[in-house]
Amino acid sequence: MSVLAVADLSLARSAPVRRGAGRPRAARLRPIAAPDSSVTVTITLGAPGSEESDRVLEALRDLVAAAGPGADVDLVSAGGRPALAPAVAGLHVDTRARTVTQDGRGLDLSRLEYELLLFLSRHPRQVFSRSQLLGHVWGHTHTTVRTVDVHVSRLRTKLGDPEIVTTVYGVGYRLSDDARITVADD
């Protein structure tokens, strides 16, 4: 038998909160027997777009990812609209929000790491020298080219894939041919 869990997370400001808790202000979880073998979790969030709501949604995405591919998730705002678009496989760069997600999970990139990834994503299969990258991403070329190497290394580490930014020895860097990156320019 499987369980259908329905959670109601209310992030209303009027609800009492314990000092230093850093958690949603009210949460209820009701398990209900489900007729099929899948597990479904329905989450209702208040105050969509708030920092607290975003943290809860990220935690839920991580929980769902841990549950495996058979899990079915509905993230719904207080008005009944989807709270977030479904997780996109691979890397997704949202230029409007200046965020990067990997398989639906948010990445914490510095401004220059974000700009470097965005620039390479917009120019797939093109090789750029370190000096060219300094000019396009940093906006100047009076920094040492070693700066590019350091930022590429940090970006690779944060992405968890050292091969996503390919080194072209003697020339510079380019995005890997098999990198799955989508850029949303809204």
C-alpha atoms as a PDB file:
ATOM      1  CA  MET A   1       0.000   0.000   0.000  1.00  0.00           C
ATOM      2  CA  SER A   2       1.269   3.508  -0.746  1.00  0.00           C
ATOM      3  CA  VAL A   3       0.604   6.770   1.016  1.00  0.00           C
ATOM      4  CA  LEU A   4      -0.741  10.011  -0.335  1.00  0.00           C
ATOM      5  CA  ALA A   5       0.631  12.821   1.815  1.00  0.00           C
ATOM      6  CA  VAL A   6      -1.083  16.180   1.651  1.00  0.00           C
ATOM      7  CA  ALA A   7       0.842  19.020   3.254  1.00  0.00           C
ATOM      8  CA  ASP A   8      -0.397  22.535   3.830  1.00  0.00           C
ATOM      9  CA  LEU A   9       2.458  24.949   4.474  1.00  0.00           C
ATOM     10  CA  SER A  10       1.258  28.417   5.340  1.00  0.00           C
ATOM     11  CA  LEU A  11       3.817  31.193   5.336  1.00  0.00           C
ATOM     12  CA  ALA A  12       1.406  33.901   6.448  1.00  0.00           C
ATOM     13  CA  ARG A  13       3.047  36.689   8.463  1.00  0.00           C
ATOM     14  CA  SER A  14       0.263  36.650  11.050  1.00  0.00           C
ATOM     15  CA  ALA A  15       1.048  33.107  12.189  1.00  0.00           C
ATOM     16  CA  PRO A  16       3.146  32.828  15.347  1.00  0.00           C
ATOM     17  CA  VAL A  17       6.787  31.877  14.852  1.00  0.00           C
ATOM     18  CA  ARG A  18       9.450  30.660  17.249  1.00  0.00           C
ATOM     19  CA  ARG A  19      12.509  32.875  17.375  1.00  0.00           C
ATOM     20  CA  GLY A  20      15.423  31.520  15.323  1.00  0.00           C
ATOM     21  CA  ALA A  21      13.376  28.641  13.926  1.00  0.00           C
ATOM     22  CA  GLY A  22      13.966  29.609  10.267  1.00  0.00           C
ATOM     23  CA  ARG A  23      11.184  27.258   9.209  1.00  0.00           C
ATOM     24  CA  PRO A  24       7.712  27.706   7.712  1.00  0.00           C
ATOM     25  CA  ARG A  25       5.383  29.192  10.283  1.00  0.00           C
ATOM     26  CA  ALA A  26       2.725  26.495  10.131  1.00  0.00           C
ATOM     27  CA  ALA A  27       2.759  23.046   8.586  1.00  0.00           C
ATOM     28  CA  ARG A  28       0.331  20.141   8.570  1.00  0.00           C
ATOM     29  CA  LEU A  29       0.893  16.725   7.008  1.00  0.00           C
ATOM     30  CA  ARG A  30      -2.013  14.319   6.573  1.00  0.00           C
ATOM     31  CA  PRO A  31      -1.234  10.795   5.296  1.00  0.00           C
ATOM     32  CA  ILE A  32      -4.040   9.144   3.313  1.00  0.00           C
ATOM     33  CA  ALA A  33      -4.057   5.652   1.800  1.00  0.00           C
ATOM     34  CA  ALA A  34      -3.633   5.813  -2.001  1.00  0.00           C
ATOM     35  CA  PRO A  35      -5.047   3.180  -4.387  1.00  0.00           C
ATOM     36  CA  ASP A  36      -1.982   2.817  -6.646  1.00  0.00           C
ATOM     37  CA  SER A  37       1.700   2.133  -6.032  1.00  0.00           C
ATOM     38  CA  SER A  38       2.918   5.704  -6.540  1.00  0.00           C
ATOM     39  CA  VAL A  39       3.524   8.264  -3.817  1.00  0.00           C
ATOM     40  CA  THR A  40       1.985  11.668  -4.364  1.00  0.00           C
ATOM     41  CA  VAL A  41       2.728  14.735  -2.259  1.00  0.00           C
ATOM     42  CA  THR A  42       0.587  17.827  -2.740  1.00  0.00           C
ATOM     43  CA  ILE A  43       2.009  21.014  -1.248  1.00  0.00           C
ATOM     44  CA  THR A  44       0.130  24.281  -0.902  1.00  0.00           C
ATOM     45  CA  LEU A  45       2.247  27.362  -0.242  1.00  0.00           C
ATOM     46  CA  GLY A  46       1.264  30.851   0.797  1.00  0.00           C
ATOM     47  CA  ALA A  47       3.181  34.037  -0.043  1.00  0.00           C
ATOM     48  CA  PRO A  48       4.558  32.847  -3.409  1.00  0.00           C
ATOM     49  CA  GLY A  49       7.836  34.429  -4.449  1.00  0.00           C
ATOM     50  CA  SER A  50       8.944  35.195  -0.904  1.00  0.00           C
ATOM     51  CA  GLU A  51      12.382  34.115   0.259  1.00  0.00           C
ATOM     52  CA  GLU A  52      10.827  31.673   2.727  1.00  0.00           C
ATOM     53  CA  SER A  53       8.596  30.177   0.051  1.00  0.00           C
ATOM     54  CA  ASP A  54      11.556  29.750  -2.301  1.00  0.00           C
ATOM     55  CA  ARG A  55      13.576  27.979   0.417  1.00  0.00           C
ATOM     56  CA  VAL A  56      10.684  25.615   1.146  1.00  0.00           C
ATOM     57  CA  LEU A  57      10.256  24.867  -2.571  1.00  0.00           C
ATOM     58  CA  GLU A  58      13.986  24.112  -2.963  1.00  0.00           C
ATOM     59  CA  ALA A  59      13.878  21.780   0.033  1.00  0.00           C
ATOM     60  CA  LEU A  60      10.842  20.033  -1.451  1.00  0.00           C
ATOM     61  CA  ARG A  61      12.583  19.615  -4.814  1.00  0.00           C
ATOM     62  CA  ASP A  62      15.562  18.023  -3.040  1.00  0.00           C
ATOM     63  CA  LEU A  63      13.190  15.715  -1.164  1.00  0.00           C
ATOM     64  CA  VAL A  64      11.443  14.699  -4.377  1.00  0.00           C
ATOM     65  CA  ALA A  65      14.770  14.097  -6.139  1.00  0.00           C
ATOM     66  CA  ALA A  66      15.745  11.788  -3.279  1.00  0.00           C
ATOM     67  CA  ALA A  67      12.405   9.951  -3.609  1.00  0.00           C
ATOM     68  CA  GLY A  68      13.304   8.881  -7.129  1.00  0.00           C
ATOM     69  CA  PRO A  69      11.862   9.169 -10.615  1.00  0.00           C
ATOM     70  CA  GLY A  70       8.497   7.608  -9.697  1.00  0.00           C
ATOM     71  CA  ALA A  71       7.491  10.493  -7.435  1.00  0.00           C
ATOM     72  CA  ASP A  72       4.762  12.842  -8.635  1.00  0.00           C
ATOM     73  CA  VAL A  73       4.930  16.437  -7.408  1.00  0.00           C
ATOM     74  CA  ASP A  74       2.429  19.293  -7.520  1.00  0.00           C
ATOM     75  CA  LEU A  75       3.751  22.599  -6.202  1.00  0.00           C
ATOM     76  CA  VAL A  76       0.776  24.946  -5.975  1.00  0.00           C
ATOM     77  CA  SER A  77       0.619  28.554  -4.800  1.00  0.00           C
ATOM     78  CA  ALA A  78      -2.110  29.832  -2.477  1.00  0.00           C
ATOM     79  CA  GLY A  79      -4.165  30.894  -5.526  1.00  0.00           C
ATOM     80  CA  GLY A  80      -4.108  27.363  -6.972  1.00  0.00           C
ATOM     81  CA  ARG A  81      -1.572  28.219  -9.699  1.00  0.00           C
ATOM     82  CA  PRO A  82       1.627  26.185 -10.106  1.00  0.00           C
ATOM     83  CA  ALA A  83       4.248  27.632  -7.753  1.00  0.00           C
ATOM     84  CA  LEU A  84       7.182  26.715  -9.981  1.00  0.00           C
ATOM     85  CA  ALA A  85       7.586  25.293 -13.431  1.00  0.00           C
ATOM     86  CA  PRO A  86       8.493  21.594 -13.465  1.00  0.00           C
ATOM     87  CA  ALA A  87      12.144  20.850 -12.931  1.00  0.00           C
ATOM     88  CA  VAL A  88      14.158  21.022 -16.132  1.00  0.00           C
ATOM     89  CA  ALA A  89      16.697  18.265 -16.709  1.00  0.00           C
ATOM     90  CA  GLY A  90      20.218  19.585 -17.123  1.00  0.00           C
ATOM     91  CA  LEU A  91      21.227  23.183 -16.555  1.00  0.00           C
ATOM     92  CA  HIS A  92      18.690  25.983 -16.864  1.00  0.00           C
ATOM     93  CA  VAL A  93      19.790  29.633 -16.878  1.00  0.00           C
ATOM     94  CA  ASP A  94      17.036  32.166 -16.193  1.00  0.00           C
ATOM     95  CA  THR A  95      18.326  35.566 -17.292  1.00  0.00           C
ATOM     96  CA  ARG A  96      15.399  37.489 -15.822  1.00  0.00           C
ATOM     97  CA  ALA A  97      15.895  36.131 -12.310  1.00  0.00           C
ATOM     98  CA  ARG A  98      19.671  35.685 -12.829  1.00  0.00           C
ATOM     99  CA  THR A  99      19.445  32.153 -11.464  1.00  0.00           C
ATOM    100  CA  VAL A 100      20.867  28.809 -12.518  1.00  0.00           C
ATOM    101  CA  THR A 101      19.249  25.476 -11.707  1.00  0.00           C
ATOM    102  CA  GLN A 102      20.677  22.035 -12.269  1.00  0.00           C
ATOM    103  CA  ASP A 103      18.070  19.283 -12.560  1.00  0.00           C
ATOM    104  CA  GLY A 104      15.613  21.584 -10.757  1.00  0.00           C
ATOM    105  CA  ARG A 105      17.996  22.411  -7.890  1.00  0.00           C
ATOM    106  CA  GLY A 106      19.256  25.976  -7.488  1.00  0.00           C
ATOM    107  CA  LEU A 107      22.996  26.661  -7.743  1.00  0.00           C
ATOM    108  CA  ASP A 108      24.769  29.398  -5.807  1.00  0.00           C
ATOM    109  CA  LEU A 109      27.032  31.006  -8.407  1.00  0.00           C
ATOM    110  CA  SER A 110      28.981  34.233  -8.028  1.00  0.00           C
ATOM    111  CA  ARG A 111      28.228  37.067 -10.448  1.00  0.00           C
ATOM    112  CA  LEU A 112      31.249  36.248 -12.621  1.00  0.00           C
ATOM    113  CA  GLU A 113      30.601  32.482 -12.578  1.00  0.00           C
ATOM    114  CA  TYR A 114      27.033  33.197 -13.712  1.00  0.00           C
ATOM    115  CA  GLU A 115      28.202  35.591 -16.449  1.00  0.00           C
ATOM    116  CA  LEU A 116      30.846  33.104 -17.650  1.00  0.00           C
ATOM    117  CA  LEU A 117      28.318  30.250 -17.855  1.00  0.00           C
ATOM    118  CA  LEU A 118      25.772  32.485 -19.597  1.00  0.00           C
ATOM    119  CA  PHE A 119      28.325  33.735 -22.137  1.00  0.00           C
ATOM    120  CA  LEU A 120      29.522  30.213 -22.988  1.00  0.00           C
ATOM    121  CA  SER A 121      25.895  28.995 -23.165  1.00  0.00           C
ATOM    122  CA  ARG A 122      25.022  31.686 -25.676  1.00  0.00           C
ATOM    123  CA  HIS A 123      28.033  30.723 -27.841  1.00  0.00           C
ATOM    124  CA  PRO A 124      28.013  26.903 -27.967  1.00  0.00           C
ATOM    125  CA  ARG A 125      30.833  25.116 -29.819  1.00  0.00           C
ATOM    126  CA  GLN A 126      32.873  28.344 -29.995  1.00  0.00           C
ATOM    127  CA  VAL A 127      36.356  28.460 -28.495  1.00  0.00           C
ATOM    128  CA  PHE A 128      37.374  31.628 -26.643  1.00  0.00           C
ATOM    129  CA  SER A 129      40.848  32.590 -25.517  1.00  0.00           C
ATOM    130  CA  ARG A 130      41.327  33.716 -21.945  1.00  0.00           C
ATOM    131  CA  SER A 131      41.836  37.300 -23.168  1.00  0.00           C
ATOM    132  CA  GLN A 132      38.571  37.156 -25.142  1.00  0.00           C
ATOM    133  CA  LEU A 133      36.720  35.873 -22.079  1.00  0.00           C
ATOM    134  CA  LEU A 134      38.213  38.644 -19.957  1.00  0.00           C
ATOM    135  CA  GLY A 135      36.946  41.192 -22.465  1.00  0.00           C
ATOM    136  CA  HIS A 136      33.450  39.718 -22.891  1.00  0.00           C
ATOM    137  CA  VAL A 137      32.700  38.541 -19.338  1.00  0.00           C
ATOM    138  CA  TRP A 138      34.842  40.771 -17.105  1.00  0.00           C
ATOM    139  CA  GLY A 139      34.575  43.798 -19.394  1.00  0.00           C
ATOM    140  CA  HIS A 140      38.306  44.511 -19.372  1.00  0.00           C
ATOM    141  CA  THR A 141      41.577  42.776 -20.209  1.00  0.00           C
ATOM    142  CA  HIS A 142      43.934  44.330 -17.654  1.00  0.00           C
ATOM    143  CA  THR A 143      43.529  41.385 -15.229  1.00  0.00           C
ATOM    144  CA  THR A 144      45.806  38.357 -15.504  1.00  0.00           C
ATOM    145  CA  VAL A 145      44.497  35.510 -17.643  1.00  0.00           C
ATOM    146  CA  ARG A 146      44.928  33.208 -14.629  1.00  0.00           C
ATOM    147  CA  THR A 147      41.727  34.828 -13.276  1.00  0.00           C
ATOM    148  CA  VAL A 148      39.770  33.033 -16.010  1.00  0.00           C
ATOM    149  CA  ASP A 149      41.327  29.683 -15.054  1.00  0.00           C
ATOM    150  CA  VAL A 150      40.335  30.159 -11.404  1.00  0.00           C
ATOM    151  CA  HIS A 151      36.716  31.057 -12.260  1.00  0.00           C
ATOM    152  CA  VAL A 152      36.403  28.150 -14.709  1.00  0.00           C
ATOM    153  CA  SER A 153      37.699  25.795 -12.008  1.00  0.00           C
ATOM    154  CA  ARG A 154      35.196  27.116  -9.445  1.00  0.00           C
ATOM    155  CA  LEU A 155      32.349  26.913 -11.967  1.00  0.00           C
ATOM    156  CA  ARG A 156      33.220  23.295 -12.802  1.00  0.00           C
ATOM    157  CA  THR A 157      33.253  22.433  -9.093  1.00  0.00           C
ATOM    158  CA  LYS A 158      29.868  24.054  -8.419  1.00  0.00           C
ATOM    159  CA  LEU A 159      28.320  22.348 -11.453  1.00  0.00           C
ATOM    160  CA  GLY A 160      29.708  19.010 -10.276  1.00  0.00           C
ATOM    161  CA  ASP A 161      30.923  18.250 -13.799  1.00  0.00           C
ATOM    162  CA  PRO A 162      34.551  19.084 -14.613  1.00  0.00           C
ATOM    163  CA  GLU A 163      33.966  18.426 -18.300  1.00  0.00           C
ATOM    164  CA  ILE A 164      31.095  20.859 -18.910  1.00  0.00           C
ATOM    165  CA  VAL A 165      33.584  23.637 -19.703  1.00  0.00           C
ATOM    166  CA  THR A 166      36.135  22.085 -22.030  1.00  0.00           C
ATOM    167  CA  THR A 167      39.750  23.202 -22.107  1.00  0.00           C
ATOM    168  CA  VAL A 168      41.121  23.612 -25.632  1.00  0.00           C
ATOM    169  CA  TYR A 169      44.824  23.354 -24.900  1.00  0.00           C
ATOM    170  CA  GLY A 170      46.871  26.255 -26.194  1.00  0.00           C
ATOM    171  CA  VAL A 171      43.730  28.258 -27.059  1.00  0.00           C
ATOM    172  CA  GLY A 172      41.184  28.657 -24.250  1.00  0.00           C
ATOM    173  CA  TYR A 173      37.761  27.339 -23.238  1.00  0.00           C
ATOM    174  CA  ARG A 174      34.425  26.353 -24.736  1.00  0.00           C
ATOM    175  CA  LEU A 175      31.217  24.710 -23.601  1.00  0.00           C
ATOM    176  CA  SER A 176      31.158  20.921 -23.896  1.00  0.00           C
ATOM    177  CA  ASP A 177      29.357  19.531 -26.965  1.00  0.00           C
ATOM    178  CA  ASP A 178      27.091  17.359 -24.832  1.00  0.00           C
ATOM    179  CA  ALA A 179      26.231  20.055 -22.253  1.00  0.00           C
ATOM    180  CA  ARG A 180      22.461  20.248 -21.757  1.00  0.00           C
ATOM    181  CA  ILE A 181      21.872  23.917 -21.059  1.00  0.00           C
ATOM    182  CA  THR A 182      18.756  25.973 -21.697  1.00  0.00           C
ATOM    183  CA  VAL A 183      18.744  29.752 -21.464  1.00  0.00           C
ATOM    184  CA  ALA A 184      15.462  31.520 -20.749  1.00  0.00           C
ATOM    185  CA  ASP A 185      15.578  35.105 -22.030  1.00  0.00           C
ATOM    186  CA  ASP A 186      12.253  36.461 -20.779  1.00  0.00           C
END
